[in-house]
Amino acid sequence: MSHKVTLWPQNIEFIVANGQTVLDAALNQDVAFPHRCKVGACASCLCRITRGQVSYDLEPMLTENEKQQGWMFSCLAHTESDLVITFGEE
């Protein structure tokens, strides 16, 4: 099942197919998304979920506080619902 991701505040939307990471989906649809390593080591793709849920095949190195604040590694994240994400604090 695919899910829609909205990048806020730009209001850019893209679709993440089942089995695809958020980062791969964005790049495949020509959405400019910061990244470098694509394996969760550099933290360049770190963004914050303001609405929705993701899962990981391999848990990223996030503190409990960062998880509670909604931070995610888009290169490792698979959508479990539609998402609204941002690169900023709010």
N, C-alpha and C. Protein backbone atom coordinates (compact mmCIF):
# COMPACT_ATOMS: atom_id res chain seq x y z
N MET A 1 0.84 -1.19 0.00
CA MET A 1 0.00 0.00 0.00
C MET A 1 0.88 1.24 0.00
N SER A 2 0.55 2.19 -0.81
CA SER A 2 1.32 3.44 -0.88
C SER A 2 0.72 4.48 0.06
N HIS A 3 1.55 5.45 0.42
CA HIS A 3 1.12 6.54 1.29
C HIS A 3 1.62 7.86 0.73
N LYS A 4 0.88 8.91 1.03
CA LYS A 4 1.25 10.26 0.59
C LYS A 4 2.07 10.93 1.69
N VAL A 5 3.16 11.59 1.27
CA VAL A 5 3.98 12.37 2.18
C VAL A 5 3.88 13.83 1.75
N THR A 6 3.64 14.70 2.71
CA THR A 6 3.60 16.13 2.45
C THR A 6 4.77 16.77 3.18
N LEU A 7 5.61 17.47 2.42
CA LEU A 7 6.74 18.20 2.98
C LEU A 7 6.27 19.61 3.30
N TRP A 8 6.27 19.93 4.58
CA TRP A 8 5.75 21.21 5.05
C TRP A 8 6.90 22.12 5.44
N PRO A 9 6.88 23.41 5.23
CA PRO A 9 5.76 24.23 4.81
C PRO A 9 5.66 24.43 3.30
N GLN A 10 6.53 23.78 2.52
CA GLN A 10 6.51 23.94 1.06
C GLN A 10 5.28 23.34 0.43
N ASN A 11 4.58 22.45 1.15
CA ASN A 11 3.39 21.77 0.64
C ASN A 11 3.70 20.94 -0.61
N ILE A 12 4.88 20.33 -0.61
CA ILE A 12 5.28 19.42 -1.69
C ILE A 12 4.80 18.02 -1.31
N GLU A 13 4.15 17.35 -2.25
CA GLU A 13 3.62 16.02 -1.98
C GLU A 13 4.29 14.98 -2.88
N PHE A 14 4.51 13.79 -2.33
CA PHE A 14 5.00 12.67 -3.12
C PHE A 14 4.46 11.38 -2.52
N ILE A 15 4.52 10.32 -3.29
CA ILE A 15 3.97 9.03 -2.89
C ILE A 15 5.11 8.06 -2.57
N VAL A 16 4.94 7.34 -1.47
CA VAL A 16 5.90 6.30 -1.07
C VAL A 16 5.22 4.95 -1.28
N ALA A 17 5.78 4.15 -2.16
CA ALA A 17 5.24 2.81 -2.44
C ALA A 17 5.64 1.85 -1.33
N ASN A 18 4.90 0.78 -1.21
CA ASN A 18 5.20 -0.25 -0.23
C ASN A 18 6.62 -0.77 -0.45
N GLY A 19 7.41 -0.87 0.62
CA GLY A 19 8.78 -1.35 0.53
C GLY A 19 9.81 -0.29 0.21
N GLN A 20 9.38 0.91 -0.10
CA GLN A 20 10.27 2.00 -0.46
C GLN A 20 10.53 2.88 0.76
N THR A 21 11.72 3.45 0.86
CA THR A 21 11.97 4.40 1.95
C THR A 21 11.45 5.77 1.54
N VAL A 22 11.25 6.61 2.53
CA VAL A 22 10.78 7.97 2.27
C VAL A 22 11.78 8.70 1.37
N LEU A 23 13.06 8.57 1.67
CA LEU A 23 14.09 9.24 0.87
C LEU A 23 14.09 8.74 -0.57
N ASP A 24 14.09 7.43 -0.79
CA ASP A 24 14.10 6.90 -2.15
C ASP A 24 12.89 7.38 -2.94
N ALA A 25 11.73 7.40 -2.30
CA ALA A 25 10.52 7.86 -2.99
C ALA A 25 10.65 9.33 -3.39
N ALA A 26 11.15 10.15 -2.48
CA ALA A 26 11.32 11.57 -2.79
C ALA A 26 12.28 11.76 -3.97
N LEU A 27 13.42 11.11 -3.90
CA LEU A 27 14.42 11.26 -4.97
C LEU A 27 13.91 10.72 -6.30
N ASN A 28 13.17 9.61 -6.28
CA ASN A 28 12.63 9.04 -7.52
C ASN A 28 11.59 9.93 -8.17
N GLN A 29 11.00 10.84 -7.37
CA GLN A 29 9.99 11.76 -7.89
C GLN A 29 10.54 13.19 -8.01
N ASP A 30 11.86 13.31 -8.06
CA ASP A 30 12.55 14.58 -8.25
C ASP A 30 12.24 15.62 -7.18
N VAL A 31 12.00 15.15 -5.95
CA VAL A 31 11.81 16.06 -4.81
C VAL A 31 13.19 16.30 -4.20
N ALA A 32 13.59 17.55 -4.10
CA ALA A 32 14.88 17.88 -3.49
C ALA A 32 14.83 17.51 -2.01
N PHE A 33 15.73 16.64 -1.59
CA PHE A 33 15.72 16.12 -0.22
C PHE A 33 17.18 15.98 0.21
N PRO A 34 17.57 16.59 1.32
CA PRO A 34 18.97 16.48 1.74
C PRO A 34 19.34 15.03 2.07
N HIS A 35 20.51 14.62 1.61
CA HIS A 35 21.00 13.27 1.89
C HIS A 35 22.46 13.16 1.49
N ARG A 36 23.13 12.15 2.00
CA ARG A 36 24.49 11.84 1.59
C ARG A 36 24.68 10.33 1.53
N CYS A 37 24.63 9.67 2.69
CA CYS A 37 25.06 8.27 2.74
C CYS A 37 23.96 7.26 2.41
N LYS A 38 22.69 7.58 2.67
CA LYS A 38 21.55 6.71 2.44
C LYS A 38 21.52 5.45 3.30
N VAL A 39 22.31 5.43 4.39
CA VAL A 39 22.31 4.27 5.29
C VAL A 39 22.15 4.65 6.76
N GLY A 40 21.78 5.90 7.04
CA GLY A 40 21.53 6.31 8.41
C GLY A 40 22.75 6.69 9.21
N ALA A 41 23.89 6.92 8.56
CA ALA A 41 25.12 7.25 9.28
C ALA A 41 25.40 8.75 9.34
N CYS A 42 24.98 9.50 8.34
CA CYS A 42 25.39 10.91 8.27
C CYS A 42 24.37 11.88 8.86
N ALA A 43 23.13 11.47 9.01
CA ALA A 43 22.03 12.29 9.56
C ALA A 43 21.63 13.47 8.66
N SER A 44 22.08 13.47 7.41
CA SER A 44 21.70 14.55 6.50
C SER A 44 20.21 14.54 6.16
N CYS A 45 19.60 13.36 6.18
CA CYS A 45 18.20 13.22 5.78
C CYS A 45 17.24 13.30 6.98
N LEU A 46 17.77 13.64 8.15
CA LEU A 46 16.96 13.73 9.36
C LEU A 46 15.85 14.76 9.18
N CYS A 47 14.64 14.36 9.44
CA CYS A 47 13.50 15.27 9.37
C CYS A 47 12.52 14.91 10.48
N ARG A 48 11.51 15.75 10.65
CA ARG A 48 10.59 15.56 11.77
C ARG A 48 9.19 15.25 11.27
N ILE A 49 8.58 14.22 11.85
CA ILE A 49 7.20 13.86 11.52
C ILE A 49 6.27 14.73 12.35
N THR A 50 5.39 15.45 11.69
CA THR A 50 4.39 16.22 12.43
C THR A 50 3.05 15.50 12.44
N ARG A 51 2.88 14.56 11.50
CA ARG A 51 1.67 13.73 11.48
C ARG A 51 1.99 12.43 10.76
N GLY A 52 1.56 11.30 11.34
CA GLY A 52 1.74 10.00 10.70
C GLY A 52 2.72 9.12 11.43
N GLN A 53 2.97 7.94 10.85
CA GLN A 53 3.83 6.95 11.48
C GLN A 53 4.72 6.28 10.45
N VAL A 54 5.91 5.89 10.91
CA VAL A 54 6.85 5.14 10.07
C VAL A 54 7.34 3.91 10.83
N SER A 55 7.94 3.00 10.10
CA SER A 55 8.61 1.84 10.70
C SER A 55 9.98 1.72 10.07
N TYR A 56 10.82 0.91 10.69
CA TYR A 56 12.19 0.71 10.21
C TYR A 56 12.50 -0.78 10.17
N ASP A 57 13.27 -1.19 9.15
CA ASP A 57 13.82 -2.53 9.14
C ASP A 57 14.97 -2.61 10.15
N LEU A 58 15.73 -1.53 10.24
CA LEU A 58 16.85 -1.41 11.17
C LEU A 58 16.66 -0.10 11.92
N GLU A 59 16.50 -0.17 13.24
CA GLU A 59 16.26 1.03 14.05
C GLU A 59 17.42 2.01 13.93
N PRO A 60 17.12 3.28 13.65
CA PRO A 60 18.18 4.30 13.55
C PRO A 60 18.68 4.70 14.93
N MET A 61 19.80 5.36 14.95
CA MET A 61 20.41 5.83 16.20
C MET A 61 19.75 7.14 16.63
N LEU A 62 18.59 7.03 17.23
CA LEU A 62 17.87 8.19 17.77
C LEU A 62 17.71 8.00 19.27
N THR A 63 17.82 9.09 20.02
CA THR A 63 17.57 9.00 21.46
C THR A 63 16.06 8.89 21.68
N GLU A 64 15.66 8.48 22.86
CA GLU A 64 14.23 8.41 23.18
C GLU A 64 13.58 9.78 23.04
N ASN A 65 14.29 10.83 23.45
CA ASN A 65 13.77 12.18 23.34
C ASN A 65 13.56 12.57 21.87
N GLU A 66 14.50 12.23 21.01
CA GLU A 66 14.36 12.52 19.58
C GLU A 66 13.19 11.76 18.98
N LYS A 67 13.01 10.50 19.38
CA LYS A 67 11.87 9.72 18.90
C LYS A 67 10.55 10.35 19.33
N GLN A 68 10.48 10.78 20.59
CA GLN A 68 9.26 11.40 21.10
C GLN A 68 8.96 12.71 20.39
N GLN A 69 9.99 13.41 19.94
CA GLN A 69 9.81 14.66 19.21
C GLN A 69 9.48 14.44 17.74
N GLY A 70 9.51 13.19 17.29
CA GLY A 70 9.11 12.87 15.92
C GLY A 70 10.23 12.84 14.89
N TRP A 71 11.48 12.91 15.31
CA TRP A 71 12.57 12.89 14.35
C TRP A 71 12.70 11.51 13.70
N MET A 72 13.05 11.50 12.43
CA MET A 72 13.22 10.23 11.71
C MET A 72 14.33 10.36 10.68
N PHE A 73 14.93 9.23 10.36
CA PHE A 73 15.89 9.13 9.26
C PHE A 73 15.10 8.70 8.03
N SER A 74 14.93 9.60 7.07
CA SER A 74 14.12 9.29 5.90
C SER A 74 14.73 8.19 5.03
N CYS A 75 16.04 8.00 5.13
CA CYS A 75 16.70 6.96 4.32
C CYS A 75 16.40 5.56 4.83
N LEU A 76 15.91 5.44 6.06
CA LEU A 76 15.60 4.14 6.65
C LEU A 76 14.11 3.93 6.89
N ALA A 77 13.33 5.00 6.79
CA ALA A 77 11.92 4.97 7.20
C ALA A 77 10.99 4.48 6.09
N HIS A 78 10.07 3.60 6.49
CA HIS A 78 8.99 3.13 5.63
C HIS A 78 7.68 3.68 6.19
N THR A 79 6.83 4.18 5.33
CA THR A 79 5.57 4.78 5.80
C THR A 79 4.60 3.71 6.27
N GLU A 80 3.91 4.01 7.35
CA GLU A 80 2.83 3.17 7.87
C GLU A 80 1.50 3.89 7.73
N SER A 81 1.55 5.15 7.32
CA SER A 81 0.37 5.98 7.11
C SER A 81 0.79 7.16 6.25
N ASP A 82 -0.15 8.00 5.87
CA ASP A 82 0.21 9.26 5.23
C ASP A 82 1.03 10.06 6.24
N LEU A 83 1.97 10.87 5.74
CA LEU A 83 2.85 11.64 6.62
C LEU A 83 2.83 13.11 6.27
N VAL A 84 3.06 13.92 7.27
CA VAL A 84 3.43 15.32 7.10
C VAL A 84 4.77 15.47 7.80
N ILE A 85 5.78 15.94 7.06
CA ILE A 85 7.12 16.06 7.61
C ILE A 85 7.67 17.46 7.38
N THR A 86 8.66 17.82 8.18
CA THR A 86 9.33 19.10 8.04
C THR A 86 10.80 18.92 8.38
N PHE A 87 11.63 19.82 7.88
CA PHE A 87 13.05 19.78 8.22
C PHE A 87 13.35 20.66 9.42
N GLY A 88 12.39 21.50 9.82
CA GLY A 88 12.60 22.41 10.94
C GLY A 88 12.09 21.86 12.25
N GLU A 89 12.20 22.68 13.27
CA GLU A 89 11.77 22.31 14.61
C GLU A 89 10.25 22.24 14.72
N GLU A 90 9.52 23.05 14.00
CA GLU A 90 8.05 23.09 14.11
C GLU A 90 7.41 22.82 12.78
